Amino acid sequence: MKRAVAAPGGETQLLSAAELAEFLSVPLSTIYYWRHVGKGPPALRAGRLLRFDLASVCAWLERRAG
């Protein structure tokens, strides 16, 4: 799994579903399945698009590792 890097200046960094899949080294279909069953990281909607806040994804990973 890749290491998260904070965005410069503390800005929020949003990932697309494809970027999240690459970040987590899982297939894109897994991201959509996790969302469907309510087990994935929290997502934001930007119109029809899903975006994932990197800080929220990292917090989700920490909770799962616990």
PDB file of N, CA and C in Angstrom:
ATOM      1  N   MET A   1       0.846  -1.174   0.000  1.00  0.00           N
ATOM      2  CA  MET A   1       0.000   0.000   0.000  1.00  0.00           C
ATOM      3  C   MET A   1       0.895   1.242   0.000  1.00  0.00           C
ATOM      4  N   LYS A   2       0.505   2.235  -0.745  1.00  0.00           N
ATOM      5  CA  LYS A   2       1.284   3.463  -0.833  1.00  0.00           C
ATOM      6  C   LYS A   2       1.083   4.305   0.425  1.00  0.00           C
ATOM      7  N   ARG A   3       2.066   5.106   0.747  1.00  0.00           N
ATOM      8  CA  ARG A   3       1.989   6.011   1.890  1.00  0.00           C
ATOM      9  C   ARG A   3       1.251   7.284   1.499  1.00  0.00           C
ATOM     10  N   ALA A   4       0.402   7.754   2.390  1.00  0.00           N
ATOM     11  CA  ALA A   4      -0.319   8.999   2.143  1.00  0.00           C
ATOM     12  C   ALA A   4       0.631  10.180   2.316  1.00  0.00           C
ATOM     13  N   VAL A   5       0.493  11.158   1.480  1.00  0.00           N
ATOM     14  CA  VAL A   5       1.293  12.372   1.564  1.00  0.00           C
ATOM     15  C   VAL A   5       0.338  13.531   1.753  1.00  0.00           C
ATOM     16  N   ALA A   6       0.586  14.342   2.773  1.00  0.00           N
ATOM     17  CA  ALA A   6      -0.287  15.485   3.046  1.00  0.00           C
ATOM     18  C   ALA A   6      -0.196  16.491   1.909  1.00  0.00           C
ATOM     19  N   ALA A   7      -1.316  17.070   1.580  1.00  0.00           N
ATOM     20  CA  ALA A   7      -1.347  18.096   0.549  1.00  0.00           C
ATOM     21  C   ALA A   7      -0.624  19.335   1.055  1.00  0.00           C
ATOM     22  N   PRO A   8       0.061  20.052   0.173  1.00  0.00           N
ATOM     23  CA  PRO A   8       0.772  21.264   0.600  1.00  0.00           C
ATOM     24  C   PRO A   8      -0.179  22.280   1.220  1.00  0.00           C
ATOM     25  N   GLY A   9       0.257  22.903   2.283  1.00  0.00           N
ATOM     26  CA  GLY A   9      -0.543  23.947   2.918  1.00  0.00           C
ATOM     27  C   GLY A   9      -1.759  23.418   3.652  1.00  0.00           C
ATOM     28  N   GLY A  10      -1.830  22.118   3.888  1.00  0.00           N
ATOM     29  CA  GLY A  10      -2.953  21.546   4.616  1.00  0.00           C
ATOM     30  C   GLY A  10      -4.254  21.532   3.837  1.00  0.00           C
ATOM     31  N   GLU A  11      -4.176  21.678   2.533  1.00  0.00           N
ATOM     32  CA  GLU A  11      -5.377  21.686   1.704  1.00  0.00           C
ATOM     33  C   GLU A  11      -5.992  20.296   1.637  1.00  0.00           C
ATOM     34  N   THR A  12      -7.283  20.239   1.415  1.00  0.00           N
ATOM     35  CA  THR A  12      -7.960  18.967   1.252  1.00  0.00           C
ATOM     36  C   THR A  12      -7.599  18.375  -0.094  1.00  0.00           C
ATOM     37  N   GLN A  13      -7.199  17.117  -0.092  1.00  0.00           N
ATOM     38  CA  GLN A  13      -6.872  16.434  -1.336  1.00  0.00           C
ATOM     39  C   GLN A  13      -7.963  15.411  -1.610  1.00  0.00           C
ATOM     40  N   LEU A  14      -8.619  15.554  -2.752  1.00  0.00           N
ATOM     41  CA  LEU A  14      -9.689  14.644  -3.136  1.00  0.00           C
ATOM     42  C   LEU A  14      -9.194  13.683  -4.196  1.00  0.00           C
ATOM     43  N   LEU A  15      -9.584  12.410  -4.045  1.00  0.00           N
ATOM     44  CA  LEU A  15      -9.215  11.370  -4.990  1.00  0.00           C
ATOM     45  C   LEU A  15     -10.454  10.893  -5.728  1.00  0.00           C
ATOM     46  N   SER A  16     -10.307  10.576  -6.984  1.00  0.00           N
ATOM     47  CA  SER A  16     -11.386   9.929  -7.729  1.00  0.00           C
ATOM     48  C   SER A  16     -11.432   8.465  -7.294  1.00  0.00           C
ATOM     49  N   ALA A  17     -12.473   7.761  -7.692  1.00  0.00           N
ATOM     50  CA  ALA A  17     -12.584   6.336  -7.367  1.00  0.00           C
ATOM     51  C   ALA A  17     -11.406   5.569  -7.974  1.00  0.00           C
ATOM     52  N   ALA A  18     -11.019   5.912  -9.189  1.00  0.00           N
ATOM     53  CA  ALA A  18      -9.884   5.239  -9.839  1.00  0.00           C
ATOM     54  C   ALA A  18      -8.577   5.531  -9.101  1.00  0.00           C
ATOM     55  N   GLU A  19      -8.387   6.767  -8.670  1.00  0.00           N
ATOM     56  CA  GLU A  19      -7.182   7.116  -7.917  1.00  0.00           C
ATOM     57  C   GLU A  19      -7.153   6.401  -6.573  1.00  0.00           C
ATOM     58  N   LEU A  20      -8.317   6.286  -5.927  1.00  0.00           N
ATOM     59  CA  LEU A  20      -8.395   5.576  -4.653  1.00  0.00           C
ATOM     60  C   LEU A  20      -8.061   4.104  -4.849  1.00  0.00           C
ATOM     61  N   ALA A  21      -8.584   3.509  -5.898  1.00  0.00           N
ATOM     62  CA  ALA A  21      -8.292   2.107  -6.185  1.00  0.00           C
ATOM     63  C   ALA A  21      -6.786   1.908  -6.376  1.00  0.00           C
ATOM     64  N   GLU A  22      -6.155   2.817  -7.101  1.00  0.00           N
ATOM     65  CA  GLU A  22      -4.708   2.724  -7.302  1.00  0.00           C
ATOM     66  C   GLU A  22      -3.974   2.919  -5.983  1.00  0.00           C
ATOM     67  N   PHE A  23      -4.397   3.893  -5.189  1.00  0.00           N
ATOM     68  CA  PHE A  23      -3.783   4.184  -3.892  1.00  0.00           C
ATOM     69  C   PHE A  23      -3.842   2.966  -2.977  1.00  0.00           C
ATOM     70  N   LEU A  24      -4.979   2.256  -2.978  1.00  0.00           N
ATOM     71  CA  LEU A  24      -5.173   1.094  -2.109  1.00  0.00           C
ATOM     72  C   LEU A  24      -4.726  -0.219  -2.762  1.00  0.00           C
ATOM     73  N   SER A  25      -4.337  -0.154  -4.019  1.00  0.00           N
ATOM     74  CA  SER A  25      -3.917  -1.337  -4.784  1.00  0.00           C
ATOM     75  C   SER A  25      -5.012  -2.397  -4.827  1.00  0.00           C
ATOM     76  N   VAL A  26      -6.229  -1.945  -5.131  1.00  0.00           N
ATOM     77  CA  VAL A  26      -7.370  -2.849  -5.303  1.00  0.00           C
ATOM     78  C   VAL A  26      -8.037  -2.516  -6.630  1.00  0.00           C
ATOM     79  N   PRO A  27      -8.809  -3.460  -7.186  1.00  0.00           N
ATOM     80  CA  PRO A  27      -9.534  -3.154  -8.421  1.00  0.00           C
ATOM     81  C   PRO A  27     -10.587  -2.061  -8.200  1.00  0.00           C
ATOM     82  N   LEU A  28     -10.861  -1.294  -9.224  1.00  0.00           N
ATOM     83  CA  LEU A  28     -11.879  -0.244  -9.146  1.00  0.00           C
ATOM     84  C   LEU A  28     -13.229  -0.823  -8.730  1.00  0.00           C
ATOM     85  N   SER A  29     -13.549  -2.012  -9.215  1.00  0.00           N
ATOM     86  CA  SER A  29     -14.829  -2.637  -8.855  1.00  0.00           C
ATOM     87  C   SER A  29     -14.941  -2.857  -7.352  1.00  0.00           C
ATOM     88  N   THR A  30     -13.828  -3.067  -6.670  1.00  0.00           N
ATOM     89  CA  THR A  30     -13.842  -3.242  -5.216  1.00  0.00           C
ATOM     90  C   THR A  30     -14.282  -1.961  -4.524  1.00  0.00           C
ATOM     91  N   ILE A  31     -13.820  -0.824  -5.010  1.00  0.00           N
ATOM     92  CA  ILE A  31     -14.222   0.466  -4.434  1.00  0.00           C
ATOM     93  C   ILE A  31     -15.733   0.623  -4.528  1.00  0.00           C
ATOM     94  N   TYR A  32     -16.282   0.346  -5.714  1.00  0.00           N
ATOM     95  CA  TYR A  32     -17.726   0.474  -5.890  1.00  0.00           C
ATOM     96  C   TYR A  32     -18.482  -0.565  -5.063  1.00  0.00           C
ATOM     97  N   TYR A  33     -17.955  -1.771  -4.928  1.00  0.00           N
ATOM     98  CA  TYR A  33     -18.619  -2.792  -4.113  1.00  0.00           C
ATOM     99  C   TYR A  33     -18.627  -2.367  -2.647  1.00  0.00           C
ATOM    100  N   TRP A  34     -17.479  -1.912  -2.135  1.00  0.00           N
ATOM    101  CA  TRP A  34     -17.422  -1.460  -0.748  1.00  0.00           C
ATOM    102  C   TRP A  34     -18.438  -0.355  -0.504  1.00  0.00           C
ATOM    103  N   ARG A  35     -18.576   0.555  -1.450  1.00  0.00           N
ATOM    104  CA  ARG A  35     -19.544   1.647  -1.297  1.00  0.00           C
ATOM    105  C   ARG A  35     -20.961   1.088  -1.289  1.00  0.00           C
ATOM    106  N   HIS A  36     -21.234   0.133  -2.150  1.00  0.00           N
ATOM    107  CA  HIS A  36     -22.563  -0.474  -2.250  1.00  0.00           C
ATOM    108  C   HIS A  36     -22.976  -1.150  -0.937  1.00  0.00           C
ATOM    109  N   VAL A  37     -22.053  -1.855  -0.310  1.00  0.00           N
ATOM    110  CA  VAL A  37     -22.376  -2.566   0.931  1.00  0.00           C
ATOM    111  C   VAL A  37     -22.102  -1.735   2.184  1.00  0.00           C
ATOM    112  N   GLY A  38     -21.612  -0.498   2.014  1.00  0.00           N
ATOM    113  CA  GLY A  38     -21.406   0.406   3.145  1.00  0.00           C
ATOM    114  C   GLY A  38     -20.164   0.113   3.968  1.00  0.00           C
ATOM    115  N   LYS A  39     -19.144  -0.492   3.365  1.00  0.00           N
ATOM    116  CA  LYS A  39     -17.933  -0.850   4.105  1.00  0.00           C
ATOM    117  C   LYS A  39     -16.701  -0.064   3.688  1.00  0.00           C
ATOM    118  N   GLY A  40     -16.816   0.795   2.714  1.00  0.00           N
ATOM    119  CA  GLY A  40     -15.658   1.530   2.220  1.00  0.00           C
ATOM    120  C   GLY A  40     -15.468   2.857   2.919  1.00  0.00           C
ATOM    121  N   PRO A  41     -14.445   3.583   2.512  1.00  0.00           N
ATOM    122  CA  PRO A  41     -14.215   4.914   3.086  1.00  0.00           C
ATOM    123  C   PRO A  41     -15.340   5.865   2.670  1.00  0.00           C
ATOM    124  N   PRO A  42     -15.590   6.884   3.480  1.00  0.00           N
ATOM    125  CA  PRO A  42     -16.656   7.831   3.140  1.00  0.00           C
ATOM    126  C   PRO A  42     -16.354   8.571   1.837  1.00  0.00           C
ATOM    127  N   ALA A  43     -17.399   8.782   1.058  1.00  0.00           N
ATOM    128  CA  ALA A  43     -17.252   9.451  -0.238  1.00  0.00           C
ATOM    129  C   ALA A  43     -18.063  10.733  -0.262  1.00  0.00           C
ATOM    130  N   LEU A  44     -17.624  11.642  -1.092  1.00  0.00           N
ATOM    131  CA  LEU A  44     -18.341  12.891  -1.340  1.00  0.00           C
ATOM    132  C   LEU A  44     -18.863  12.844  -2.763  1.00  0.00           C
ATOM    133  N   ARG A  45     -19.994  13.449  -3.000  1.00  0.00           N
ATOM    134  CA  ARG A  45     -20.535  13.533  -4.357  1.00  0.00           C
ATOM    135  C   ARG A  45     -20.272  14.915  -4.922  1.00  0.00           C
ATOM    136  N   ALA A  46     -19.759  14.934  -6.132  1.00  0.00           N
ATOM    137  CA  ALA A  46     -19.593  16.169  -6.896  1.00  0.00           C
ATOM    138  C   ALA A  46     -20.380  15.955  -8.182  1.00  0.00           C
ATOM    139  N   GLY A  47     -21.662  16.265  -8.126  1.00  0.00           N
ATOM    140  CA  GLY A  47     -22.536  15.937  -9.249  1.00  0.00           C
ATOM    141  C   GLY A  47     -22.691  14.436  -9.326  1.00  0.00           C
ATOM    142  N   ARG A  48     -22.338  13.852 -10.459  1.00  0.00           N
ATOM    143  CA  ARG A  48     -22.412  12.394 -10.619  1.00  0.00           C
ATOM    144  C   ARG A  48     -21.133  11.699 -10.173  1.00  0.00           C
ATOM    145  N   LEU A  49     -20.103  12.471  -9.873  1.00  0.00           N
ATOM    146  CA  LEU A  49     -18.791  11.901  -9.562  1.00  0.00           C
ATOM    147  C   LEU A  49     -18.615  11.666  -8.070  1.00  0.00           C
ATOM    148  N   LEU A  50     -17.872  10.632  -7.734  1.00  0.00           N
ATOM    149  CA  LEU A  50     -17.493  10.364  -6.353  1.00  0.00           C
ATOM    150  C   LEU A  50     -16.092  10.891  -6.122  1.00  0.00           C
ATOM    151  N   ARG A  51     -15.900  11.482  -4.979  1.00  0.00           N
ATOM    152  CA  ARG A  51     -14.578  11.934  -4.576  1.00  0.00           C
ATOM    153  C   ARG A  51     -14.345  11.476  -3.149  1.00  0.00           C
ATOM    154  N   PHE A  52     -13.096  11.134  -2.853  1.00  0.00           N
ATOM    155  CA  PHE A  52     -12.725  10.628  -1.542  1.00  0.00           C
ATOM    156  C   PHE A  52     -11.663  11.546  -0.955  1.00  0.00           C
ATOM    157  N   ASP A  53     -11.940  12.079   0.227  1.00  0.00           N
ATOM    158  CA  ASP A  53     -10.995  12.949   0.928  1.00  0.00           C
ATOM    159  C   ASP A  53      -9.860  12.077   1.456  1.00  0.00           C
ATOM    160  N   LEU A  54      -8.633  12.405   1.100  1.00  0.00           N
ATOM    161  CA  LEU A  54      -7.484  11.594   1.470  1.00  0.00           C
ATOM    162  C   LEU A  54      -7.369  11.455   2.989  1.00  0.00           C
ATOM    163  N   ALA A  55      -7.621  12.522   3.731  1.00  0.00           N
ATOM    164  CA  ALA A  55      -7.546  12.448   5.195  1.00  0.00           C
ATOM    165  C   ALA A  55      -8.590  11.475   5.745  1.00  0.00           C
ATOM    166  N   SER A  56      -9.796  11.467   5.179  1.00  0.00           N
ATOM    167  CA  SER A  56     -10.836  10.532   5.606  1.00  0.00           C
ATOM    168  C   SER A  56     -10.473   9.102   5.257  1.00  0.00           C
ATOM    169  N   VAL A  57      -9.863   8.912   4.104  1.00  0.00           N
ATOM    170  CA  VAL A  57      -9.426   7.576   3.695  1.00  0.00           C
ATOM    171  C   VAL A  57      -8.365   7.067   4.673  1.00  0.00           C
ATOM    172  N   CYS A  58      -7.418   7.917   5.036  1.00  0.00           N
ATOM    173  CA  CYS A  58      -6.369   7.525   5.980  1.00  0.00           C
ATOM    174  C   CYS A  58      -6.958   7.192   7.346  1.00  0.00           C
ATOM    175  N   ALA A  59      -7.939   7.974   7.800  1.00  0.00           N
ATOM    176  CA  ALA A  59      -8.611   7.692   9.070  1.00  0.00           C
ATOM    177  C   ALA A  59      -9.362   6.367   8.994  1.00  0.00           C
ATOM    178  N   TRP A  60     -10.012   6.098   7.864  1.00  0.00           N
ATOM    179  CA  TRP A  60     -10.723   4.837   7.654  1.00  0.00           C
ATOM    180  C   TRP A  60      -9.737   3.674   7.722  1.00  0.00           C
ATOM    181  N   LEU A  61      -8.584   3.817   7.111  1.00  0.00           N
ATOM    182  CA  LEU A  61      -7.560   2.766   7.148  1.00  0.00           C
ATOM    183  C   LEU A  61      -7.077   2.528   8.579  1.00  0.00           C
ATOM    184  N   GLU A  62      -6.874   3.601   9.333  1.00  0.00           N
ATOM    185  CA  GLU A  62      -6.427   3.485  10.727  1.00  0.00           C
ATOM    186  C   GLU A  62      -7.446   2.723  11.564  1.00  0.00           C
ATOM    187  N   ARG A  63      -8.740   3.020  11.376  1.00  0.00           N
ATOM    188  CA  ARG A  63      -9.793   2.318  12.116  1.00  0.00           C
ATOM    189  C   ARG A  63      -9.791   0.841  11.774  1.00  0.00           C
ATOM    190  N   ARG A  64      -9.573   0.512  10.526  1.00  0.00           N
ATOM    191  CA  ARG A  64      -9.576  -0.898  10.094  1.00  0.00           C
ATOM    192  C   ARG A  64      -8.351  -1.640  10.600  1.00  0.00           C
ATOM    193  N   ALA A  65      -7.233  -0.936  10.763  1.00  0.00           N
ATOM    194  CA  ALA A  65      -5.999  -1.564  11.218  1.00  0.00           C
ATOM    195  C   ALA A  65      -6.025  -1.844  12.723  1.00  0.00           C
ATOM    196  N   GLY A  66      -6.848  -1.072  13.451  1.00  0.00           N
ATOM    197  CA  GLY A  66      -6.901  -1.103  14.899  1.00  0.00           C
ATOM    198  C   GLY A  66      -7.172  -2.390  15.493  1.00  0.00           C
TER     199      GLY A  66
END
